[in-house]
C-alpha atoms as a PDB file:
ATOM      1  CA  MET A   1     -29.208  85.367 -93.977  1.00  0.00           C
ATOM      2  CA  LEU A   2     -30.288  88.672 -92.508  1.00  0.00           C
ATOM      3  CA  CYS A   3     -32.424  91.401 -94.040  1.00  0.00           C
ATOM      4  CA  GLN A   4     -32.179  95.024 -92.980  1.00  0.00           C
ATOM      5  CA  ASP A   5     -33.550  98.023 -94.857  1.00  0.00           C
ATOM      6  CA  ARG A   6     -34.405  95.826 -97.864  1.00  0.00           C
ATOM      7  CA  HIS A   7     -30.811  94.614 -98.151  1.00  0.00           C
ATOM      8  CA  PHE A   8     -29.946  90.954 -97.663  1.00  0.00           C
ATOM      9  CA  TYR A   9     -26.744  89.916 -95.911  1.00  0.00           C
ATOM     10  CA  GLN A  10     -25.223  86.446 -96.049  1.00  0.00           C
ATOM     11  CA  SER A  11     -22.536  84.786 -93.993  1.00  0.00           C
ATOM     12  CA  PRO A  12     -20.513  81.689 -94.785  1.00  0.00           C
ATOM     13  CA  SER A  13     -21.897  78.462 -93.415  1.00  0.00           C
ATOM     14  CA  TYR A  14     -19.713  76.230 -91.271  1.00  0.00           C
ATOM     15  CA  LEU A  15     -19.817  72.447 -91.386  1.00  0.00           C
ATOM     16  CA  VAL A  16     -18.721  71.298 -87.966  1.00  0.00           C
ATOM     17  CA  PRO A  17     -19.507  68.214 -85.905  1.00  0.00           C
ATOM     18  CA  THR A  18     -21.748  68.951 -82.958  1.00  0.00           C
ATOM     19  CA  ASP A  19     -22.680  66.969 -79.910  1.00  0.00           C
ATOM     20  CA  HIS A  20     -25.495  69.296 -78.910  1.00  0.00           C
ATOM     21  CA  GLU A  21     -27.260  72.169 -80.565  1.00  0.00           C
ATOM     22  CA  VAL A  22     -28.272  73.632 -77.216  1.00  0.00           C
ATOM     23  CA  ALA A  23     -27.679  77.380 -76.885  1.00  0.00           C
ATOM     24  CA  SER A  24     -26.588  77.998 -80.486  1.00  0.00           C
ATOM     25  CA  GLY A  25     -29.459  80.437 -80.930  1.00  0.00           C
ATOM     26  CA  ASP A  26     -28.621  82.133 -77.647  1.00  0.00           C
ATOM     27  CA  ALA A  27     -25.015  82.639 -78.760  1.00  0.00           C
ATOM     28  CA  PHE A  28     -26.185  83.921 -82.139  1.00  0.00           C
ATOM     29  CA  GLY A  29     -28.551  86.429 -80.541  1.00  0.00           C
ATOM     30  CA  ALA A  30     -25.993  87.565 -77.983  1.00  0.00           C
ATOM     31  CA  TRP A  31     -23.458  88.372 -80.678  1.00  0.00           C
ATOM     32  CA  ILE A  32     -26.031  90.254 -82.760  1.00  0.00           C
ATOM     33  CA  ILE A  33     -26.669  92.410 -79.676  1.00  0.00           C
ATOM     34  CA  HIS A  34     -22.908  92.707 -79.033  1.00  0.00           C
ATOM     35  CA  GLY A  35     -22.479  93.925 -82.599  1.00  0.00           C
ATOM     36  CA  ILE A  36     -25.261  96.493 -82.288  1.00  0.00           C
ATOM     37  CA  ILE A  37     -23.857  97.861 -79.017  1.00  0.00           C
ATOM     38  CA  ASN A  38     -20.349  98.059 -80.482  1.00  0.00           C
ATOM     39  CA  GLU A  39     -21.592  99.581 -83.765  1.00  0.00           C
ATOM     40  CA  PHE A  40     -20.505  96.718 -86.021  1.00  0.00           C
ATOM     41  CA  SER A  41     -21.761  96.862 -89.576  1.00  0.00           C
ATOM     42  CA  THR A  42     -24.749  94.640 -90.305  1.00  0.00           C
ATOM     43  CA  GLN A  43     -22.478  92.231 -92.188  1.00  0.00           C
ATOM     44  CA  GLU A  44     -20.070  92.042 -89.229  1.00  0.00           C
ATOM     45  CA  GLN A  45     -22.977  91.418 -86.856  1.00  0.00           C
ATOM     46  CA  LEU A  46     -24.094  88.450 -88.935  1.00  0.00           C
ATOM     47  CA  ASP A  47     -20.580  87.052 -89.454  1.00  0.00           C
ATOM     48  CA  TYR A  48     -19.707  87.242 -85.766  1.00  0.00           C
ATOM     49  CA  ALA A  49     -23.062  85.792 -84.694  1.00  0.00           C
ATOM     50  CA  MET A  50     -22.634  82.830 -87.050  1.00  0.00           C
ATOM     51  CA  ALA A  51     -19.116  82.202 -85.748  1.00  0.00           C
ATOM     52  CA  ALA A  52     -20.270  82.435 -82.121  1.00  0.00           C
ATOM     53  CA  ALA A  53     -22.956  79.809 -82.694  1.00  0.00           C
ATOM     54  CA  ILE A  54     -20.474  77.153 -83.900  1.00  0.00           C
ATOM     55  CA  PRO A  55     -19.527  75.575 -80.565  1.00  0.00           C
ATOM     56  CA  SER A  56     -23.185  75.474 -79.461  1.00  0.00           C
ATOM     57  CA  ASP A  57     -23.325  74.339 -75.832  1.00  0.00           C
ATOM     58  CA  SER A  58     -19.886  75.749 -74.952  1.00  0.00           C
ATOM     59  CA  SER A  59     -20.254  79.196 -76.432  1.00  0.00           C
ATOM     60  CA  LEU A  60     -18.191  81.185 -73.974  1.00  0.00           C
ATOM     61  CA  LEU A  61     -15.810  82.517 -76.588  1.00  0.00           C
ATOM     62  CA  SER A  62     -13.563  85.525 -76.407  1.00  0.00           C
ATOM     63  CA  ASP A  63     -13.547  88.310 -78.979  1.00  0.00           C
ATOM     64  CA  LYS A  64     -10.166  86.977 -80.146  1.00  0.00           C
ATOM     65  CA  GLU A  65     -11.587  83.479 -80.794  1.00  0.00           C
ATOM     66  CA  ILE A  66     -14.578  84.839 -82.696  1.00  0.00           C
ATOM     67  CA  LYS A  67     -12.350  87.111 -84.803  1.00  0.00           C
ATOM     68  CA  ALA A  68     -10.153  84.112 -85.718  1.00  0.00           C
ATOM     69  CA  VAL A  69     -13.194  82.284 -87.073  1.00  0.00           C
ATOM     70  CA  VAL A  70     -14.538  85.310 -88.947  1.00  0.00           C
ATOM     71  CA  ASN A  71     -11.218  86.452 -90.404  1.00  0.00           C
ATOM     72  CA  LYS A  72      -9.499  83.138 -91.091  1.00  0.00           C
ATOM     73  CA  GLY A  73     -12.215  80.521 -90.984  1.00  0.00           C
ATOM     74  CA  ASP A  74     -10.350  78.940 -88.044  1.00  0.00           C
ATOM     75  CA  ARG A  75     -12.859  76.575 -86.442  1.00  0.00           C
ATOM     76  CA  ASN A  76     -10.316  74.887 -84.146  1.00  0.00           C
ATOM     77  CA  ILE A  77     -11.769  76.191 -80.927  1.00  0.00           C
ATOM     78  CA  LEU A  78     -10.544  74.155 -77.992  1.00  0.00           C
ATOM     79  CA  ARG A  79     -12.360  73.851 -74.681  1.00  0.00           C
END
């Protein structure tokens, strides 16, 4: 959940198995910044940040991979 200008935004949650939670917050923060720089809406910033945090310690995802998660719920990210 994210609050901006007294408006609350929510993103779907993802239930995925994880081995490590290391760097999930870093990935989340990086994609919030990416969204700000690229003028994403606040909702898009949150959705993309949530999707980027899924793989945790292997979060070097491409825009295409993140969009697949956001648009289709595709969590089958292979490394």
